[in-house]
N, C-alpha and C. Protein backbone atom coordinates (compact mmCIF):
# COMPACT_ATOMS: atom_id res chain seq x y z
N MET A 1 13.35 87.62 104.49
CA MET A 1 13.11 87.86 106.05
C MET A 1 12.96 89.26 106.51
N LYS A 2 11.83 89.75 107.09
CA LYS A 2 11.64 90.80 107.48
C LYS A 2 11.99 90.86 109.06
N ARG A 3 12.59 91.90 109.60
CA ARG A 3 13.07 91.89 110.85
C ARG A 3 12.41 93.34 111.35
N ILE A 4 11.34 93.15 112.17
CA ILE A 4 10.43 94.04 112.67
C ILE A 4 10.70 94.08 114.39
N LEU A 5 11.07 95.41 114.68
CA LEU A 5 11.43 95.69 116.08
C LEU A 5 10.37 96.63 116.66
N LEU A 6 9.79 96.47 117.76
CA LEU A 6 8.89 96.87 118.64
C LEU A 6 9.56 97.51 119.72
N ALA A 7 9.14 98.75 120.01
CA ALA A 7 9.71 99.36 121.34
C ALA A 7 8.54 99.98 122.36
N CYS A 8 8.59 99.61 123.38
CA CYS A 8 7.48 100.13 124.42
C CYS A 8 8.40 100.58 125.94
N ALA A 9 7.48 100.97 126.72
CA ALA A 9 7.96 101.54 127.80
C ALA A 9 9.15 100.44 128.54
N SER A 10 8.41 99.27 128.67
CA SER A 10 9.14 98.16 129.33
C SER A 10 9.29 97.04 128.42
N GLY A 11 8.85 96.84 127.33
CA GLY A 11 9.04 95.74 126.57
C GLY A 11 7.91 94.56 126.79
N MET A 12 7.15 94.65 127.95
CA MET A 12 6.14 93.67 128.04
C MET A 12 4.71 93.92 127.25
N SER A 13 4.38 95.36 127.36
CA SER A 13 3.13 95.28 126.81
C SER A 13 2.75 95.08 125.38
N THR A 14 4.06 94.97 124.82
CA THR A 14 4.06 94.27 123.31
C THR A 14 3.99 93.06 123.08
N SER A 15 4.12 92.13 124.03
CA SER A 15 4.20 90.68 123.75
C SER A 15 2.98 90.14 123.35
N ILE A 16 1.72 90.61 123.40
CA ILE A 16 0.49 89.87 122.80
C ILE A 16 0.65 90.45 121.35
N LEU A 17 1.00 91.79 121.10
CA LEU A 17 1.11 92.29 119.70
C LEU A 17 2.07 91.52 118.91
N VAL A 18 3.28 91.25 119.53
CA VAL A 18 4.21 90.42 118.72
C VAL A 18 3.46 89.27 118.32
N ARG A 19 3.05 88.48 119.18
CA ARG A 19 2.47 87.17 118.90
C ARG A 19 1.56 87.28 117.83
N ARG A 20 0.44 88.51 117.88
CA ARG A 20 -0.53 88.27 116.96
C ARG A 20 0.29 88.61 115.64
N MET A 21 1.34 89.51 115.59
CA MET A 21 1.84 89.83 114.39
C MET A 21 2.47 88.48 113.77
N GLU A 22 2.96 87.76 114.58
CA GLU A 22 3.72 86.54 113.99
C GLU A 22 2.48 85.66 113.43
N GLU A 23 1.39 85.51 114.01
CA GLU A 23 0.41 84.66 113.58
C GLU A 23 -0.23 85.34 112.16
N ALA A 24 -0.05 86.56 111.94
CA ALA A 24 -0.65 87.28 110.92
C ALA A 24 0.54 87.10 109.53
N ALA A 25 1.60 87.16 110.06
CA ALA A 25 2.88 86.82 109.13
C ALA A 25 2.77 85.57 108.80
N GLU A 26 2.41 84.58 109.40
CA GLU A 26 2.36 83.26 109.11
C GLU A 26 1.34 82.84 107.96
N ALA A 27 0.09 83.71 108.52
CA ALA A 27 -1.25 83.36 107.62
C ALA A 27 -0.90 83.90 106.16
N LYS A 28 -0.02 85.07 106.13
CA LYS A 28 0.08 85.38 104.91
C LYS A 28 1.53 84.90 104.33
N GLY A 29 2.06 84.08 104.57
CA GLY A 29 3.29 83.35 104.20
C GLY A 29 4.39 84.22 104.17
N ILE A 30 4.55 85.27 105.12
CA ILE A 30 5.57 86.11 105.41
C ILE A 30 6.77 85.57 106.18
N GLU A 31 7.92 85.63 105.91
CA GLU A 31 8.69 85.35 106.90
C GLU A 31 9.39 86.20 107.56
N ALA A 32 9.17 86.52 108.87
CA ALA A 32 9.27 87.59 109.76
C ALA A 32 9.83 87.22 111.06
N GLU A 33 10.94 88.13 111.63
CA GLU A 33 11.40 88.08 112.85
C GLU A 33 11.00 89.32 113.77
N ILE A 34 9.73 89.23 114.65
CA ILE A 34 9.32 90.39 115.31
C ILE A 34 9.61 90.11 116.73
N TRP A 35 10.40 91.25 117.35
CA TRP A 35 10.57 91.17 118.72
C TRP A 35 10.33 92.48 119.25
N ALA A 36 10.10 92.58 120.68
CA ALA A 36 9.88 93.91 121.30
C ALA A 36 11.01 94.08 122.37
N VAL A 37 11.28 95.22 122.83
CA VAL A 37 12.18 95.56 123.72
C VAL A 37 11.78 96.77 124.38
N ALA A 38 12.22 97.08 125.61
CA ALA A 38 12.14 98.24 126.43
C ALA A 38 12.75 99.43 125.73
N GLN A 39 12.32 100.69 126.11
CA GLN A 39 13.05 101.79 125.35
C GLN A 39 14.24 101.80 125.52
N ASP A 40 14.91 101.63 126.59
CA ASP A 40 16.28 101.91 126.65
C ASP A 40 17.19 100.90 125.60
N LYS A 41 16.42 99.62 125.24
CA LYS A 41 17.21 98.75 124.55
C LYS A 41 17.18 98.91 122.95
N ALA A 42 16.03 99.78 122.51
CA ALA A 42 15.61 100.12 121.48
C ALA A 42 16.90 100.50 120.21
N PRO A 43 17.65 101.42 120.75
CA PRO A 43 18.88 102.14 119.84
C PRO A 43 19.96 100.93 119.56
N THR A 44 20.32 100.11 120.52
CA THR A 44 21.18 99.00 119.99
C THR A 44 20.53 97.92 119.23
N GLU A 45 19.27 97.66 119.37
CA GLU A 45 18.65 96.61 118.86
C GLU A 45 18.02 96.96 117.29
N MET A 46 18.06 98.45 116.83
CA MET A 46 18.06 98.86 115.66
C MET A 46 18.92 98.36 114.61
N GLU A 47 20.06 98.22 115.16
CA GLU A 47 21.11 97.92 114.24
C GLU A 47 20.87 96.56 113.52
N ARG A 48 20.11 95.54 113.88
CA ARG A 48 19.57 94.24 113.34
C ARG A 48 18.17 94.30 112.74
N ALA A 49 17.61 95.37 112.91
CA ALA A 49 15.96 95.62 112.47
C ALA A 49 16.09 96.15 110.97
N ASP A 50 14.84 95.89 110.37
CA ASP A 50 14.54 96.79 109.01
C ASP A 50 13.52 97.76 109.35
N VAL A 51 13.08 97.81 110.47
CA VAL A 51 11.94 98.81 110.78
C VAL A 51 11.84 98.93 112.38
N LEU A 52 11.48 100.02 112.89
CA LEU A 52 11.28 100.33 114.14
C LEU A 52 9.77 100.86 114.20
N LEU A 53 9.05 100.26 114.99
CA LEU A 53 7.54 100.68 115.50
C LEU A 53 7.65 100.82 116.87
N ILE A 54 7.06 102.20 117.28
CA ILE A 54 7.29 102.49 118.60
C ILE A 54 5.68 102.55 119.27
N GLY A 55 5.41 102.14 120.61
CA GLY A 55 4.16 101.89 121.17
C GLY A 55 3.87 103.75 121.23
N PRO A 56 2.28 103.78 121.02
CA PRO A 56 1.89 105.04 121.17
C PRO A 56 2.01 105.75 122.36
N GLN A 57 2.52 105.05 123.55
CA GLN A 57 2.65 105.78 124.73
C GLN A 57 4.19 106.26 124.88
N MET A 58 4.58 105.98 123.87
CA MET A 58 6.31 106.48 123.59
C MET A 58 6.53 107.46 122.67
N ARG A 59 5.23 107.98 121.84
CA ARG A 59 5.59 108.76 120.75
C ARG A 59 6.58 109.97 121.09
N PHE A 60 6.59 110.47 122.40
CA PHE A 60 7.75 111.42 122.45
C PHE A 60 8.98 111.12 122.26
N MET A 61 9.37 109.54 122.35
CA MET A 61 10.74 109.49 122.11
C MET A 61 11.21 109.08 120.40
N LYS A 62 10.15 109.67 119.30
CA LYS A 62 10.34 109.58 118.12
C LYS A 62 11.70 110.14 117.53
N LYS A 63 11.60 111.37 118.02
CA LYS A 63 12.56 112.38 117.58
C LYS A 63 14.12 111.70 118.16
N LYS A 64 14.36 111.28 119.24
CA LYS A 64 15.34 110.54 119.52
C LYS A 64 15.80 109.45 118.94
N TYR A 65 14.88 108.46 118.67
CA TYR A 65 15.15 107.52 117.78
C TYR A 65 15.43 107.69 116.54
N SER A 66 14.76 108.77 115.94
CA SER A 66 14.96 108.90 114.58
C SER A 66 16.38 109.17 114.16
N LYS A 67 17.13 109.78 115.18
CA LYS A 67 18.52 110.13 115.03
C LYS A 67 19.22 108.74 114.39
N VAL A 68 19.02 107.70 115.43
CA VAL A 68 19.89 106.36 115.55
C VAL A 68 19.17 105.62 114.12
N ALA A 69 18.01 105.78 113.87
CA ALA A 69 17.39 105.01 112.90
C ALA A 69 17.89 105.60 111.51
N ASP A 70 18.17 106.85 111.41
CA ASP A 70 19.08 107.43 110.08
C ASP A 70 20.22 107.06 110.03
N GLU A 71 20.92 106.93 111.14
CA GLU A 71 22.19 106.27 110.98
C GLU A 71 22.46 104.87 110.58
N VAL A 72 21.45 104.13 110.93
CA VAL A 72 21.39 102.60 110.51
C VAL A 72 20.51 102.33 109.32
N GLY A 73 19.91 103.27 109.00
CA GLY A 73 19.14 103.29 107.68
C GLY A 73 17.86 102.56 107.64
N ILE A 74 17.06 102.79 108.80
CA ILE A 74 15.78 102.09 109.01
C ILE A 74 14.63 103.24 109.07
N PRO A 75 13.59 102.75 108.61
CA PRO A 75 12.33 103.60 108.83
C PRO A 75 11.81 103.53 110.46
N LEU A 76 10.96 104.53 110.81
CA LEU A 76 10.51 104.00 111.88
C LEU A 76 8.97 105.07 112.06
N ASP A 77 8.13 104.46 112.93
CA ASP A 77 7.00 105.29 112.81
C ASP A 77 6.22 104.94 114.43
N VAL A 78 5.38 105.53 114.72
CA VAL A 78 4.64 105.26 115.96
C VAL A 78 3.29 104.44 115.48
N ILE A 79 3.38 103.36 116.28
CA ILE A 79 1.89 102.33 116.12
C ILE A 79 0.67 103.02 116.35
N GLU A 80 -0.24 103.14 115.39
CA GLU A 80 -1.49 103.74 115.69
C GLU A 80 -2.03 103.22 116.95
N PRO A 81 -2.79 104.22 117.66
CA PRO A 81 -3.23 103.89 119.18
C PRO A 81 -4.32 102.73 119.07
N VAL A 82 -5.25 102.79 118.28
CA VAL A 82 -6.35 101.82 118.06
C VAL A 82 -5.82 100.38 117.56
N ALA A 83 -4.89 100.50 116.70
CA ALA A 83 -4.48 98.95 116.56
C ALA A 83 -3.63 98.50 117.64
N TYR A 84 -2.95 99.23 118.51
CA TYR A 84 -2.24 98.83 119.54
C TYR A 84 -2.96 98.44 120.69
N GLY A 85 -3.93 99.39 120.85
CA GLY A 85 -5.00 98.79 122.03
C GLY A 85 -5.89 97.62 121.69
N ARG A 86 -5.83 97.39 120.36
CA ARG A 86 -6.81 96.04 119.93
C ARG A 86 -5.90 94.98 119.62
N ALA A 87 -4.50 95.33 119.83
CA ALA A 87 -3.67 94.23 119.42
C ALA A 87 -3.91 93.52 118.15
N ASP A 88 -3.80 94.48 117.22
CA ASP A 88 -4.30 94.16 115.74
C ASP A 88 -2.95 93.90 115.16
N GLY A 89 -2.61 92.61 115.22
CA GLY A 89 -1.22 92.20 114.60
C GLY A 89 -1.27 92.37 113.36
N GLU A 90 -2.33 92.29 112.52
CA GLU A 90 -2.11 92.23 110.97
C GLU A 90 -2.17 93.69 110.39
N ALA A 91 -2.92 94.74 111.07
CA ALA A 91 -2.77 96.17 110.85
C ALA A 91 -1.36 96.50 111.20
N VAL A 92 -0.53 96.09 112.28
CA VAL A 92 0.68 96.44 112.66
C VAL A 92 1.90 95.83 111.66
N LEU A 93 1.47 94.80 111.45
CA LEU A 93 2.27 94.07 110.37
C LEU A 93 2.50 94.74 109.03
N ASN A 94 1.22 95.05 108.57
CA ASN A 94 1.12 95.63 107.22
C ASN A 94 1.87 97.19 107.17
N LYS A 95 1.53 97.72 108.62
CA LYS A 95 2.22 99.05 108.53
C LYS A 95 3.83 99.02 108.34
N ALA A 96 4.47 97.83 109.09
CA ALA A 96 5.78 97.73 109.12
C ALA A 96 6.26 97.25 107.65
N ILE A 97 5.58 96.38 107.34
CA ILE A 97 5.72 96.11 105.83
C ILE A 97 5.60 97.31 104.73
N ASP A 98 4.99 97.94 104.74
CA ASP A 98 4.59 99.57 103.97
C ASP A 98 5.93 100.17 104.23
N LEU A 99 6.31 100.36 105.69
CA LEU A 99 7.61 101.23 105.87
C LEU A 99 8.84 100.66 105.09
N ILE A 100 8.86 99.36 105.32
CA ILE A 100 10.03 98.46 104.72
C ILE A 100 10.17 98.94 103.46
N GLY A 101 8.95 99.00 102.53
CA GLY A 101 8.75 99.22 101.43
C GLY A 101 8.95 98.14 100.36
N GLU A 102 8.53 96.92 101.12
CA GLU A 102 8.82 95.55 99.93
C GLU A 102 7.53 95.13 99.86
């Protein structure tokens, strides 16, 4: 089971992306729990995630989140703006899996 956390400004703009990532995971036969939270919830949610992906509008938060991610031992990165804008669930799912390293 892969646990993929997305963070954006309010947690709402990633809801479509989460749904598309879930569809892509199901199509590939990958068991995944994928959820999105607002930026203020991300640090506490990281404790139960395998990876954190940050919405491109929040790239300025990467340094802050990196400290917590290092403490809990998970990778993090910023979602590519094109994949985010297109709500390309497969591309974002692939990035998450690559970061997890499995």
